[in-house]
Amino acid sequence: MLLRCAPRRLHLRPLSAAALASAAPAPPEAPTEWAEAPLASVRPATADASLYHVSLDLSAHGDLLASHAAAGQFLPFRLPAAPYPIFLAIASPPPSPSSSAAAAFDFLVKRLPGTPSARLCDLRPGDLVHVGASVVGRGFEVSRIAEARDVLVFATGSGISPIRSLIESDFVESHKTGVSLFYGVRNLQRMAYQVGYISLSLHFVLLYSIYNSW
């Protein structure tokens, strides 16, 4: 799978197939209904604080939580004084009836100065934010690679966010194939989720550049 910048385009390629299967959802539209929810956590996700881990408390928004049905979906954020909403890929797995996970969505946010994403990273736990009343996007159509013998998953930088949702769902454990994750980062200081891959039943390959211009 090859993940590109939002709105993301996912390419799924079984090694045994000659053709490339593509799942490219249409760009999401801004929602007409919004909800207000508090931030549960805002903290750096990398050593250089270029990426932030943001957790949204949805304990009072059961319908919004339930609308997350597939890894690779997005949630719109509308931040104060921002000229446009931003769409963030959900990093936590879709909720399941048997799960005891907290009623929250996790996000990996790239902090770009002067942008709405930076404003989000500057907020504190307990601050209220406006988000879409439902998630958007179809998510990854993993059923299209059900017959694949091997699956290669590629991500760079903050693009690991929806991939984390995928690998923490039942995709890796239930898939009867070999799953390899290739994660590209500029350097180890910019690697998110450094702890958490060891116990996964996948082949993890870290790619990083020795060139400062990458």
N, C-alpha and C. Protein backbone atom coordinates (compact mmCIF):
# COMPACT_ATOMS: atom_id res chain seq x y z
N MET A 1 0.84 -1.18 0.00
CA MET A 1 0.00 0.00 0.00
C MET A 1 0.88 1.24 0.00
N LEU A 2 0.53 2.20 -0.80
CA LEU A 2 1.29 3.43 -0.87
C LEU A 2 0.40 4.56 -0.43
N LEU A 3 0.77 5.22 0.65
CA LEU A 3 -0.04 6.28 1.22
C LEU A 3 0.49 7.62 0.79
N ARG A 4 -0.39 8.47 0.28
CA ARG A 4 0.00 9.80 -0.13
C ARG A 4 -0.65 10.82 0.80
N CYS A 5 -0.34 12.12 0.55
CA CYS A 5 -0.83 13.17 1.41
C CYS A 5 -2.35 13.29 1.30
N ALA A 6 -2.98 13.82 2.36
CA ALA A 6 -4.44 13.96 2.40
C ALA A 6 -4.93 14.92 1.33
N PRO A 7 -6.07 14.61 0.66
CA PRO A 7 -6.81 13.37 0.82
C PRO A 7 -6.03 12.19 0.28
N ARG A 8 -5.87 11.16 1.08
CA ARG A 8 -4.92 10.11 0.80
C ARG A 8 -5.36 9.20 -0.35
N ARG A 9 -4.40 8.66 -1.05
CA ARG A 9 -4.67 7.68 -2.10
C ARG A 9 -3.89 6.42 -1.75
N LEU A 10 -4.59 5.33 -1.71
CA LEU A 10 -3.99 4.07 -1.29
C LEU A 10 -3.90 3.12 -2.47
N HIS A 11 -2.70 2.62 -2.74
CA HIS A 11 -2.52 1.63 -3.80
C HIS A 11 -2.24 0.28 -3.15
N LEU A 12 -2.99 -0.71 -3.50
CA LEU A 12 -2.85 -2.04 -2.94
C LEU A 12 -2.33 -2.97 -4.04
N ARG A 13 -1.19 -3.60 -3.82
CA ARG A 13 -0.59 -4.42 -4.88
C ARG A 13 -0.18 -5.79 -4.35
N PRO A 14 -0.95 -6.82 -4.63
CA PRO A 14 -0.51 -8.17 -4.29
C PRO A 14 0.70 -8.54 -5.14
N LEU A 15 1.69 -9.15 -4.53
CA LEU A 15 2.89 -9.50 -5.27
C LEU A 15 2.61 -10.54 -6.35
N SER A 16 1.55 -11.32 -6.19
CA SER A 16 1.25 -12.36 -7.17
C SER A 16 0.45 -11.84 -8.36
N ALA A 17 0.04 -10.58 -8.33
CA ALA A 17 -0.77 -10.01 -9.41
C ALA A 17 0.08 -9.09 -10.25
N ALA A 18 -0.23 -9.02 -11.53
CA ALA A 18 0.52 -8.15 -12.43
C ALA A 18 -0.02 -6.73 -12.43
N ALA A 19 -1.31 -6.59 -12.16
CA ALA A 19 -1.93 -5.26 -12.21
C ALA A 19 -1.94 -4.63 -10.84
N LEU A 20 -1.99 -3.33 -10.80
CA LEU A 20 -2.04 -2.57 -9.55
C LEU A 20 -3.48 -2.23 -9.23
N ALA A 21 -3.96 -2.67 -8.09
CA ALA A 21 -5.32 -2.35 -7.68
C ALA A 21 -5.29 -1.06 -6.89
N SER A 22 -6.15 -0.14 -7.24
CA SER A 22 -6.14 1.18 -6.62
C SER A 22 -7.46 1.47 -5.93
N ALA A 23 -7.36 2.05 -4.72
CA ALA A 23 -8.55 2.49 -4.00
C ALA A 23 -8.38 3.97 -3.73
N ALA A 24 -9.03 4.80 -4.50
CA ALA A 24 -8.83 6.24 -4.42
C ALA A 24 -10.14 6.94 -4.15
N PRO A 25 -10.49 7.17 -2.89
CA PRO A 25 -11.74 7.85 -2.59
C PRO A 25 -11.71 9.29 -3.05
N ALA A 26 -12.90 9.82 -3.34
CA ALA A 26 -13.01 11.21 -3.76
C ALA A 26 -12.61 12.13 -2.61
N PRO A 27 -12.09 13.33 -2.90
CA PRO A 27 -11.73 14.27 -1.85
C PRO A 27 -12.92 14.54 -0.94
N PRO A 28 -12.74 14.52 0.37
CA PRO A 28 -13.86 14.72 1.28
C PRO A 28 -14.38 16.14 1.23
N GLU A 29 -15.67 16.29 1.44
CA GLU A 29 -16.29 17.60 1.50
C GLU A 29 -16.41 18.04 2.95
N ALA A 30 -16.42 19.36 3.16
CA ALA A 30 -16.57 19.88 4.52
C ALA A 30 -17.95 19.50 5.05
N PRO A 31 -18.03 19.05 6.29
CA PRO A 31 -19.33 18.62 6.83
C PRO A 31 -20.26 19.79 7.06
N THR A 32 -21.55 19.48 7.07
CA THR A 32 -22.56 20.50 7.36
C THR A 32 -22.95 20.48 8.83
N GLU A 33 -22.62 19.40 9.53
CA GLU A 33 -22.91 19.30 10.95
C GLU A 33 -21.60 19.13 11.72
N TRP A 34 -21.51 19.84 12.84
CA TRP A 34 -20.30 19.82 13.64
C TRP A 34 -20.63 19.42 15.07
N ALA A 35 -19.65 18.89 15.76
CA ALA A 35 -19.77 18.54 17.17
C ALA A 35 -18.62 19.18 17.93
N GLU A 36 -18.80 19.35 19.22
CA GLU A 36 -17.76 19.95 20.07
C GLU A 36 -17.28 18.89 21.06
N ALA A 37 -15.98 18.68 21.09
CA ALA A 37 -15.42 17.65 21.96
C ALA A 37 -14.12 18.15 22.58
N PRO A 38 -13.79 17.69 23.79
CA PRO A 38 -12.55 18.13 24.44
C PRO A 38 -11.35 17.29 24.01
N LEU A 39 -10.19 17.90 24.06
CA LEU A 39 -8.95 17.18 23.81
C LEU A 39 -8.55 16.41 25.06
N ALA A 40 -8.21 15.14 24.90
CA ALA A 40 -7.79 14.33 26.03
C ALA A 40 -6.29 14.40 26.24
N SER A 41 -5.55 14.57 25.15
CA SER A 41 -4.09 14.59 25.23
C SER A 41 -3.51 15.35 24.05
N VAL A 42 -2.48 16.14 24.32
CA VAL A 42 -1.72 16.83 23.27
C VAL A 42 -0.25 16.79 23.69
N ARG A 43 0.57 16.06 22.97
CA ARG A 43 1.98 15.93 23.36
C ARG A 43 2.83 15.59 22.14
N PRO A 44 4.12 15.93 22.20
CA PRO A 44 5.00 15.58 21.08
C PRO A 44 5.05 14.08 20.85
N ALA A 45 5.05 13.68 19.59
CA ALA A 45 5.12 12.26 19.25
C ALA A 45 6.50 11.86 18.75
N THR A 46 7.36 12.85 18.53
CA THR A 46 8.73 12.59 18.07
C THR A 46 9.70 13.38 18.93
N ALA A 47 10.96 12.98 18.89
CA ALA A 47 11.97 13.62 19.72
C ALA A 47 12.16 15.09 19.37
N ASP A 48 11.96 15.45 18.10
CA ASP A 48 12.15 16.84 17.70
C ASP A 48 10.85 17.65 17.70
N ALA A 49 9.76 17.05 18.18
CA ALA A 49 8.45 17.72 18.28
C ALA A 49 7.93 18.22 16.93
N SER A 50 8.34 17.57 15.86
CA SER A 50 7.79 17.92 14.55
C SER A 50 6.42 17.29 14.33
N LEU A 51 6.15 16.21 15.06
CA LEU A 51 4.86 15.55 15.01
C LEU A 51 4.27 15.51 16.42
N TYR A 52 2.95 15.64 16.50
CA TYR A 52 2.27 15.63 17.79
C TYR A 52 1.24 14.51 17.83
N HIS A 53 1.12 13.92 19.01
CA HIS A 53 0.05 12.96 19.26
C HIS A 53 -1.11 13.74 19.88
N VAL A 54 -2.26 13.67 19.24
CA VAL A 54 -3.46 14.36 19.71
C VAL A 54 -4.56 13.32 19.91
N SER A 55 -5.16 13.32 21.09
CA SER A 55 -6.25 12.40 21.39
C SER A 55 -7.51 13.20 21.70
N LEU A 56 -8.62 12.79 21.09
CA LEU A 56 -9.89 13.50 21.22
C LEU A 56 -10.86 12.66 22.04
N ASP A 57 -11.36 13.23 23.13
CA ASP A 57 -12.29 12.53 24.02
C ASP A 57 -13.68 12.51 23.40
N LEU A 58 -14.17 11.32 23.09
CA LEU A 58 -15.49 11.18 22.47
C LEU A 58 -16.46 10.42 23.36
N SER A 59 -16.23 10.47 24.66
CA SER A 59 -17.10 9.75 25.59
C SER A 59 -18.54 10.26 25.54
N ALA A 60 -18.74 11.49 25.09
CA ALA A 60 -20.09 12.06 24.98
C ALA A 60 -20.61 12.03 23.55
N HIS A 61 -19.90 11.36 22.66
CA HIS A 61 -20.28 11.34 21.24
C HIS A 61 -20.22 9.91 20.71
N GLY A 62 -21.14 9.09 21.18
CA GLY A 62 -21.17 7.69 20.78
C GLY A 62 -21.40 7.49 19.29
N ASP A 63 -22.26 8.33 18.70
CA ASP A 63 -22.55 8.19 17.27
C ASP A 63 -21.32 8.50 16.42
N LEU A 64 -20.57 9.52 16.82
CA LEU A 64 -19.35 9.87 16.10
C LEU A 64 -18.33 8.75 16.23
N LEU A 65 -18.18 8.21 17.41
CA LEU A 65 -17.24 7.11 17.64
C LEU A 65 -17.62 5.90 16.78
N ALA A 66 -18.91 5.61 16.71
CA ALA A 66 -19.38 4.44 15.96
C ALA A 66 -19.27 4.62 14.45
N SER A 67 -19.15 5.87 13.99
CA SER A 67 -19.06 6.11 12.55
C SER A 67 -17.70 5.72 11.98
N HIS A 68 -16.74 5.47 12.86
CA HIS A 68 -15.42 5.01 12.41
C HIS A 68 -15.49 3.52 12.14
N ALA A 69 -15.61 3.16 10.87
CA ALA A 69 -15.84 1.76 10.50
C ALA A 69 -14.65 1.10 9.84
N ALA A 70 -13.68 1.89 9.36
CA ALA A 70 -12.55 1.30 8.63
C ALA A 70 -11.30 2.15 8.82
N ALA A 71 -10.15 1.49 8.90
CA ALA A 71 -8.89 2.22 8.94
C ALA A 71 -8.73 3.03 7.66
N GLY A 72 -8.16 4.22 7.78
CA GLY A 72 -7.98 5.07 6.61
C GLY A 72 -9.03 6.15 6.48
N GLN A 73 -9.92 6.27 7.46
CA GLN A 73 -10.93 7.33 7.43
C GLN A 73 -10.39 8.59 8.11
N PHE A 74 -11.09 9.72 7.86
CA PHE A 74 -10.65 11.02 8.34
C PHE A 74 -11.70 11.67 9.23
N LEU A 75 -11.24 12.63 10.03
CA LEU A 75 -12.16 13.46 10.80
C LEU A 75 -11.84 14.92 10.52
N PRO A 76 -12.83 15.73 10.13
CA PRO A 76 -12.60 17.16 9.90
C PRO A 76 -12.49 17.92 11.22
N PHE A 77 -11.58 18.87 11.27
CA PHE A 77 -11.42 19.77 12.41
C PHE A 77 -11.64 21.20 11.94
N ARG A 78 -12.38 21.98 12.72
CA ARG A 78 -12.56 23.40 12.44
C ARG A 78 -12.00 24.17 13.64
N LEU A 79 -10.87 24.84 13.42
CA LEU A 79 -10.16 25.51 14.51
C LEU A 79 -10.42 27.01 14.48
N PRO A 80 -10.37 27.67 15.64
CA PRO A 80 -10.65 29.11 15.71
C PRO A 80 -9.73 29.91 14.78
N ALA A 81 -10.33 30.83 14.05
CA ALA A 81 -9.61 31.75 13.15
C ALA A 81 -8.98 31.05 11.95
N ALA A 82 -9.21 29.77 11.79
CA ALA A 82 -8.67 29.06 10.63
C ALA A 82 -9.58 29.29 9.43
N PRO A 83 -9.03 29.59 8.26
CA PRO A 83 -9.86 29.90 7.10
C PRO A 83 -10.53 28.68 6.47
N TYR A 84 -10.11 27.49 6.86
CA TYR A 84 -10.66 26.28 6.26
C TYR A 84 -10.51 25.12 7.25
N PRO A 85 -11.37 24.11 7.16
CA PRO A 85 -11.21 22.94 8.02
C PRO A 85 -10.04 22.08 7.56
N ILE A 86 -9.51 21.30 8.46
CA ILE A 86 -8.46 20.35 8.10
C ILE A 86 -9.00 18.94 8.32
N PHE A 87 -8.51 18.01 7.52
CA PHE A 87 -8.95 16.62 7.60
C PHE A 87 -7.77 15.78 8.09
N LEU A 88 -7.94 15.16 9.25
CA LEU A 88 -6.87 14.36 9.85
C LEU A 88 -7.23 12.88 9.82
N ALA A 89 -6.27 12.07 9.39
CA ALA A 89 -6.47 10.63 9.38
C ALA A 89 -6.49 10.11 10.81
N ILE A 90 -7.42 9.25 11.11
CA ILE A 90 -7.55 8.68 12.45
C ILE A 90 -6.47 7.60 12.63
N ALA A 91 -5.70 7.72 13.71
CA ALA A 91 -4.60 6.79 13.95
C ALA A 91 -4.98 5.61 14.82
N SER A 92 -6.10 5.70 15.51
CA SER A 92 -6.56 4.60 16.35
C SER A 92 -7.43 3.65 15.53
N PRO A 93 -7.50 2.38 15.92
CA PRO A 93 -8.29 1.42 15.14
C PRO A 93 -9.78 1.65 15.32
N PRO A 94 -10.59 1.21 14.37
CA PRO A 94 -12.04 1.31 14.54
C PRO A 94 -12.48 0.56 15.79
N PRO A 95 -13.44 1.10 16.53
CA PRO A 95 -13.89 0.41 17.75
C PRO A 95 -14.59 -0.89 17.42
N SER A 96 -14.46 -1.85 18.32
CA SER A 96 -15.15 -3.13 18.17
C SER A 96 -15.93 -3.41 19.44
N PRO A 97 -17.02 -4.19 19.35
CA PRO A 97 -17.84 -4.47 20.53
C PRO A 97 -17.06 -5.10 21.68
N SER A 98 -16.03 -5.87 21.36
CA SER A 98 -15.25 -6.56 22.39
C SER A 98 -14.10 -5.72 22.92
N SER A 99 -13.90 -4.54 22.36
CA SER A 99 -12.76 -3.71 22.75
C SER A 99 -13.05 -2.95 24.04
N SER A 100 -12.02 -2.83 24.87
CA SER A 100 -12.14 -2.05 26.11
C SER A 100 -11.38 -0.73 26.00
N ALA A 101 -11.05 -0.35 24.77
CA ALA A 101 -10.30 0.88 24.55
C ALA A 101 -11.13 2.10 24.94
N ALA A 102 -10.43 3.18 25.26
CA ALA A 102 -11.10 4.42 25.64
C ALA A 102 -11.92 4.96 24.48
N ALA A 103 -12.98 5.70 24.82
CA ALA A 103 -13.84 6.32 23.81
C ALA A 103 -13.14 7.56 23.28
N ALA A 104 -12.20 7.35 22.37
CA ALA A 104 -11.38 8.46 21.87
C ALA A 104 -10.87 8.14 20.48
N PHE A 105 -10.53 9.19 19.75
CA PHE A 105 -9.82 9.07 18.48
C PHE A 105 -8.41 9.61 18.69
N ASP A 106 -7.42 8.91 18.14
CA ASP A 106 -6.04 9.37 18.17
C ASP A 106 -5.64 9.90 16.80
N PHE A 107 -4.75 10.90 16.80
CA PHE A 107 -4.27 11.49 15.55
C PHE A 107 -2.78 11.76 15.67
N LEU A 108 -2.09 11.69 14.54
CA LEU A 108 -0.70 12.10 14.44
C LEU A 108 -0.67 13.34 13.57
N VAL A 109 -0.29 14.47 14.15
CA VAL A 109 -0.42 15.76 13.48
C VAL A 109 0.96 16.36 13.23
N LYS A 110 1.22 16.73 11.98
CA LYS A 110 2.46 17.40 11.64
C LYS A 110 2.32 18.88 11.97
N ARG A 111 3.22 19.37 12.82
CA ARG A 111 3.12 20.76 13.26
C ARG A 111 3.85 21.67 12.27
N LEU A 112 3.07 22.38 11.46
CA LEU A 112 3.61 23.33 10.50
C LEU A 112 3.28 24.74 10.97
N PRO A 113 4.29 25.54 11.34
CA PRO A 113 4.03 26.89 11.87
C PRO A 113 3.14 27.71 10.94
N GLY A 114 2.18 28.41 11.56
CA GLY A 114 1.30 29.28 10.80
C GLY A 114 0.13 28.60 10.15
N THR A 115 -0.06 27.31 10.42
CA THR A 115 -1.16 26.56 9.81
C THR A 115 -2.15 26.12 10.88
N PRO A 116 -3.37 25.71 10.48
CA PRO A 116 -4.32 25.20 11.46
C PRO A 116 -3.79 24.01 12.25
N SER A 117 -2.93 23.19 11.64
CA SER A 117 -2.39 22.05 12.37
C SER A 117 -1.52 22.51 13.53
N ALA A 118 -0.78 23.60 13.35
CA ALA A 118 0.03 24.14 14.45
C ALA A 118 -0.86 24.66 15.57
N ARG A 119 -1.98 25.29 15.21
CA ARG A 119 -2.90 25.78 16.23
C ARG A 119 -3.46 24.63 17.05
N LEU A 120 -3.74 23.52 16.39
CA LEU A 120 -4.23 22.35 17.11
C LEU A 120 -3.16 21.83 18.07
N CYS A 121 -1.92 21.77 17.62
CA CYS A 121 -0.83 21.26 18.47
C CYS A 121 -0.54 22.19 19.65
N ASP A 122 -0.93 23.45 19.55
CA ASP A 122 -0.69 24.41 20.62
C ASP A 122 -1.78 24.40 21.69
N LEU A 123 -2.86 23.66 21.44
CA LEU A 123 -3.94 23.57 22.43
C LEU A 123 -3.52 22.65 23.58
N ARG A 124 -4.34 22.65 24.62
CA ARG A 124 -4.04 21.86 25.81
C ARG A 124 -5.16 20.87 26.09
N PRO A 125 -4.87 19.81 26.85
CA PRO A 125 -5.93 18.88 27.24
C PRO A 125 -7.07 19.62 27.93
N GLY A 126 -8.29 19.29 27.56
CA GLY A 126 -9.46 19.96 28.11
C GLY A 126 -10.01 21.04 27.20
N ASP A 127 -9.19 21.57 26.30
CA ASP A 127 -9.68 22.57 25.35
C ASP A 127 -10.70 21.92 24.41
N LEU A 128 -11.74 22.69 24.07
CA LEU A 128 -12.78 22.19 23.19
C LEU A 128 -12.46 22.51 21.74
N VAL A 129 -12.73 21.58 20.85
CA VAL A 129 -12.54 21.79 19.42
C VAL A 129 -13.80 21.36 18.68
N HIS A 130 -14.02 21.97 17.52
CA HIS A 130 -15.14 21.59 16.68
C HIS A 130 -14.67 20.57 15.65
N VAL A 131 -15.38 19.46 15.59
CA VAL A 131 -15.05 18.40 14.65
C VAL A 131 -16.32 17.99 13.91
N GLY A 132 -16.15 17.33 12.78
CA GLY A 132 -17.30 16.84 12.04
C GLY A 132 -18.13 15.88 12.88
N ALA A 133 -19.43 15.88 12.68
CA ALA A 133 -20.31 15.01 13.45
C ALA A 133 -20.19 13.55 13.03
N SER A 134 -19.45 13.29 11.96
CA SER A 134 -19.21 11.93 11.49
C SER A 134 -17.88 11.89 10.77
N VAL A 135 -17.22 10.75 10.76
CA VAL A 135 -15.98 10.61 10.01
C VAL A 135 -16.30 10.62 8.52
N VAL A 136 -15.29 10.87 7.70
CA VAL A 136 -15.48 10.92 6.25
C VAL A 136 -14.51 9.96 5.58
N GLY A 137 -14.83 9.58 4.36
CA GLY A 137 -13.99 8.68 3.59
C GLY A 137 -14.40 7.23 3.75
N ARG A 138 -14.07 6.42 2.74
CA ARG A 138 -14.39 4.99 2.78
C ARG A 138 -13.37 4.19 3.57
N GLY A 139 -12.16 4.73 3.71
CA GLY A 139 -11.11 3.97 4.35
C GLY A 139 -10.45 2.99 3.39
N PHE A 140 -9.55 2.19 3.90
CA PHE A 140 -8.82 1.22 3.08
C PHE A 140 -9.73 0.04 2.73
N GLU A 141 -9.83 -0.26 1.47
CA GLU A 141 -10.66 -1.37 1.01
C GLU A 141 -9.83 -2.66 1.00
N VAL A 142 -9.56 -3.17 2.18
CA VAL A 142 -8.66 -4.32 2.31
C VAL A 142 -9.26 -5.59 1.73
N SER A 143 -10.57 -5.62 1.53
CA SER A 143 -11.19 -6.81 0.94
C SER A 143 -10.70 -7.04 -0.49
N ARG A 144 -10.17 -6.00 -1.11
CA ARG A 144 -9.71 -6.11 -2.49
C ARG A 144 -8.39 -6.88 -2.61
N ILE A 145 -7.73 -7.10 -1.49
CA ILE A 145 -6.48 -7.86 -1.54
C ILE A 145 -6.60 -9.13 -0.70
N ALA A 146 -7.81 -9.64 -0.59
CA ALA A 146 -8.05 -10.82 0.24
C ALA A 146 -7.28 -12.04 -0.24
N GLU A 147 -7.01 -12.11 -1.54
CA GLU A 147 -6.32 -13.28 -2.09
C GLU A 147 -4.81 -13.06 -2.24
N ALA A 148 -4.31 -11.95 -1.76
CA ALA A 148 -2.88 -11.66 -1.91
C ALA A 148 -2.04 -12.60 -1.05
N ARG A 149 -0.87 -12.97 -1.57
CA ARG A 149 0.05 -13.81 -0.80
C ARG A 149 0.92 -12.97 0.10
N ASP A 150 1.29 -11.78 -0.35
CA ASP A 150 2.12 -10.87 0.43
C ASP A 150 1.59 -9.46 0.25
N VAL A 151 1.65 -8.68 1.32
CA VAL A 151 1.18 -7.30 1.28
C VAL A 151 2.32 -6.39 1.74
N LEU A 152 2.64 -5.38 0.94
CA LEU A 152 3.65 -4.38 1.29
C LEU A 152 2.94 -3.08 1.62
N VAL A 153 3.24 -2.53 2.78
CA VAL A 153 2.62 -1.29 3.24
C VAL A 153 3.70 -0.23 3.34
N PHE A 154 3.51 0.91 2.67
CA PHE A 154 4.50 1.98 2.66
C PHE A 154 3.92 3.23 3.31
N ALA A 155 4.73 3.90 4.12
CA ALA A 155 4.32 5.17 4.73
C ALA A 155 5.55 6.01 5.00
N THR A 156 5.39 7.32 4.98
CA THR A 156 6.47 8.24 5.35
C THR A 156 5.93 9.28 6.30
N GLY A 157 6.77 9.69 7.25
CA GLY A 157 6.41 10.77 8.16
C GLY A 157 5.08 10.58 8.84
N SER A 158 4.23 11.64 8.79
CA SER A 158 2.92 11.57 9.44
C SER A 158 1.97 10.65 8.70
N GLY A 159 2.36 10.17 7.51
CA GLY A 159 1.53 9.22 6.78
C GLY A 159 1.39 7.87 7.47
N ILE A 160 2.13 7.65 8.56
CA ILE A 160 2.00 6.42 9.32
C ILE A 160 0.69 6.41 10.11
N SER A 161 0.04 7.57 10.24
CA SER A 161 -1.16 7.69 11.07
C SER A 161 -2.26 6.70 10.69
N PRO A 162 -2.78 6.71 9.45
CA PRO A 162 -3.83 5.74 9.12
C PRO A 162 -3.30 4.31 9.05
N ILE A 163 -1.99 4.15 8.79
CA ILE A 163 -1.41 2.81 8.78
C ILE A 163 -1.41 2.23 10.19
N ARG A 164 -1.19 3.08 11.18
CA ARG A 164 -1.27 2.61 12.57
C ARG A 164 -2.68 2.10 12.88
N SER A 165 -3.69 2.82 12.38
CA SER A 165 -5.07 2.36 12.55
C SER A 165 -5.26 0.99 11.93
N LEU A 166 -4.63 0.80 10.77
CA LEU A 166 -4.77 -0.48 10.06
C LEU A 166 -4.10 -1.62 10.81
N ILE A 167 -2.86 -1.42 11.23
CA ILE A 167 -2.12 -2.52 11.83
C ILE A 167 -2.57 -2.81 13.26
N GLU A 168 -3.25 -1.85 13.91
CA GLU A 168 -3.77 -2.11 15.25
C GLU A 168 -5.20 -2.64 15.22
N SER A 169 -5.78 -2.70 14.03
CA SER A 169 -7.06 -3.38 13.88
C SER A 169 -6.75 -4.87 13.70
N ASP A 170 -7.72 -5.64 13.26
CA ASP A 170 -7.48 -7.08 13.11
C ASP A 170 -6.90 -7.45 11.76
N PHE A 171 -6.45 -6.44 10.98
CA PHE A 171 -5.97 -6.72 9.63
C PHE A 171 -4.75 -7.64 9.63
N VAL A 172 -3.75 -7.31 10.44
CA VAL A 172 -2.51 -8.09 10.44
C VAL A 172 -2.74 -9.49 11.00
N GLU A 173 -3.48 -9.57 12.10
CA GLU A 173 -3.67 -10.87 12.75
C GLU A 173 -4.56 -11.79 11.93
N SER A 174 -5.58 -11.23 11.27
CA SER A 174 -6.53 -12.07 10.55
C SER A 174 -6.12 -12.33 9.11
N HIS A 175 -5.20 -11.53 8.58
CA HIS A 175 -4.81 -11.69 7.18
C HIS A 175 -3.90 -12.90 7.06
N LYS A 176 -4.21 -13.78 6.14
CA LYS A 176 -3.43 -15.01 5.96
C LYS A 176 -2.29 -14.79 4.99
N THR A 177 -1.63 -13.67 5.11
CA THR A 177 -0.53 -13.35 4.22
C THR A 177 0.62 -12.78 5.03
N GLY A 178 1.75 -12.60 4.36
CA GLY A 178 2.85 -11.89 4.97
C GLY A 178 2.64 -10.40 4.79
N VAL A 179 2.75 -9.64 5.87
CA VAL A 179 2.56 -8.20 5.81
C VAL A 179 3.87 -7.52 6.19
N SER A 180 4.38 -6.67 5.30
CA SER A 180 5.62 -5.94 5.56
C SER A 180 5.33 -4.45 5.56
N LEU A 181 5.81 -3.76 6.58
CA LEU A 181 5.64 -2.31 6.70
C LEU A 181 6.97 -1.62 6.44
N PHE A 182 7.01 -0.75 5.45
CA PHE A 182 8.19 0.07 5.15
C PHE A 182 7.87 1.50 5.57
N TYR A 183 8.62 1.99 6.56
CA TYR A 183 8.34 3.31 7.13
C TYR A 183 9.54 4.22 6.88
N GLY A 184 9.33 5.27 6.10
CA GLY A 184 10.41 6.20 5.77
C GLY A 184 10.35 7.46 6.61
N VAL A 185 11.47 7.82 7.21
CA VAL A 185 11.57 9.04 8.01
C VAL A 185 12.89 9.74 7.68
N ARG A 186 12.95 11.03 7.94
CA ARG A 186 14.18 11.78 7.66
C ARG A 186 15.32 11.29 8.54
N ASN A 187 15.03 11.08 9.81
CA ASN A 187 16.00 10.54 10.75
C ASN A 187 15.23 9.97 11.93
N LEU A 188 15.94 9.34 12.86
CA LEU A 188 15.28 8.70 13.98
C LEU A 188 14.61 9.69 14.91
N GLN A 189 15.05 10.96 14.89
CA GLN A 189 14.42 11.98 15.71
C GLN A 189 13.00 12.27 15.24
N ARG A 190 12.70 11.92 14.00
CA ARG A 190 11.38 12.19 13.44
C ARG A 190 10.55 10.92 13.25
N MET A 191 10.91 9.89 13.96
CA MET A 191 10.17 8.64 13.86
C MET A 191 9.08 8.59 14.92
N ALA A 192 7.84 8.49 14.47
CA ALA A 192 6.71 8.38 15.40
C ALA A 192 6.47 6.92 15.76
N TYR A 193 5.87 6.73 16.93
CA TYR A 193 5.51 5.38 17.39
C TYR A 193 6.71 4.45 17.40
N GLN A 194 7.81 4.88 18.01
CA GLN A 194 9.01 4.05 18.04
C GLN A 194 8.80 2.78 18.86
N VAL A 195 7.88 2.83 19.81
CA VAL A 195 7.55 1.64 20.58
C VAL A 195 6.18 1.16 20.11
N GLY A 196 6.06 -0.10 19.80
CA GLY A 196 4.76 -0.62 19.40
C GLY A 196 4.78 -1.54 18.21
N TYR A 197 5.91 -1.62 17.51
CA TYR A 197 5.95 -2.48 16.34
C TYR A 197 6.46 -3.89 16.66
N ILE A 198 7.16 -4.04 17.77
CA ILE A 198 7.83 -5.30 18.06
C ILE A 198 6.84 -6.46 18.19
N SER A 199 5.70 -6.21 18.86
CA SER A 199 4.76 -7.29 19.11
C SER A 199 3.85 -7.58 17.94
N LEU A 200 3.91 -6.76 16.90
CA LEU A 200 3.03 -6.95 15.75
C LEU A 200 3.53 -8.10 14.87
N SER A 201 2.58 -8.82 14.30
CA SER A 201 2.93 -9.95 13.44
C SER A 201 3.16 -9.46 12.01
N LEU A 202 4.15 -8.59 11.87
CA LEU A 202 4.49 -8.09 10.55
C LEU A 202 5.99 -7.89 10.47
N HIS A 203 6.48 -7.75 9.24
CA HIS A 203 7.89 -7.49 9.00
C HIS A 203 8.06 -5.98 8.92
N PHE A 204 8.83 -5.40 9.84
CA PHE A 204 8.99 -3.95 9.93
C PHE A 204 10.34 -3.54 9.37
N VAL A 205 10.33 -2.65 8.38
CA VAL A 205 11.55 -2.14 7.77
C VAL A 205 11.56 -0.63 7.92
N LEU A 206 12.59 -0.09 8.58
CA LEU A 206 12.72 1.35 8.75
C LEU A 206 13.67 1.91 7.70
N LEU A 207 13.21 2.92 6.98
CA LEU A 207 14.03 3.59 5.97
C LEU A 207 14.21 5.03 6.40
N TYR A 208 15.47 5.49 6.47
CA TYR A 208 15.68 6.90 6.80
C TYR A 208 16.83 7.45 5.97
N SER A 209 16.77 8.76 5.76
CA SER A 209 17.71 9.42 4.85
C SER A 209 18.90 9.98 5.62
N ILE A 210 20.06 9.94 4.98
CA ILE A 210 21.25 10.55 5.58
C ILE A 210 21.45 11.96 5.03
N TYR A 211 20.53 12.39 4.17
CA TYR A 211 20.66 13.71 3.55
C TYR A 211 19.71 14.69 4.22
N ASN A 212 20.23 15.82 4.65
CA ASN A 212 19.42 16.81 5.34
C ASN A 212 18.36 17.42 4.45
N SER A 213 18.55 17.36 3.13
CA SER A 213 17.60 17.99 2.22
C SER A 213 16.37 17.15 1.95
N TRP A 214 16.32 15.89 2.48
CA TRP A 214 15.18 15.04 2.17
C TRP A 214 13.93 15.54 2.86
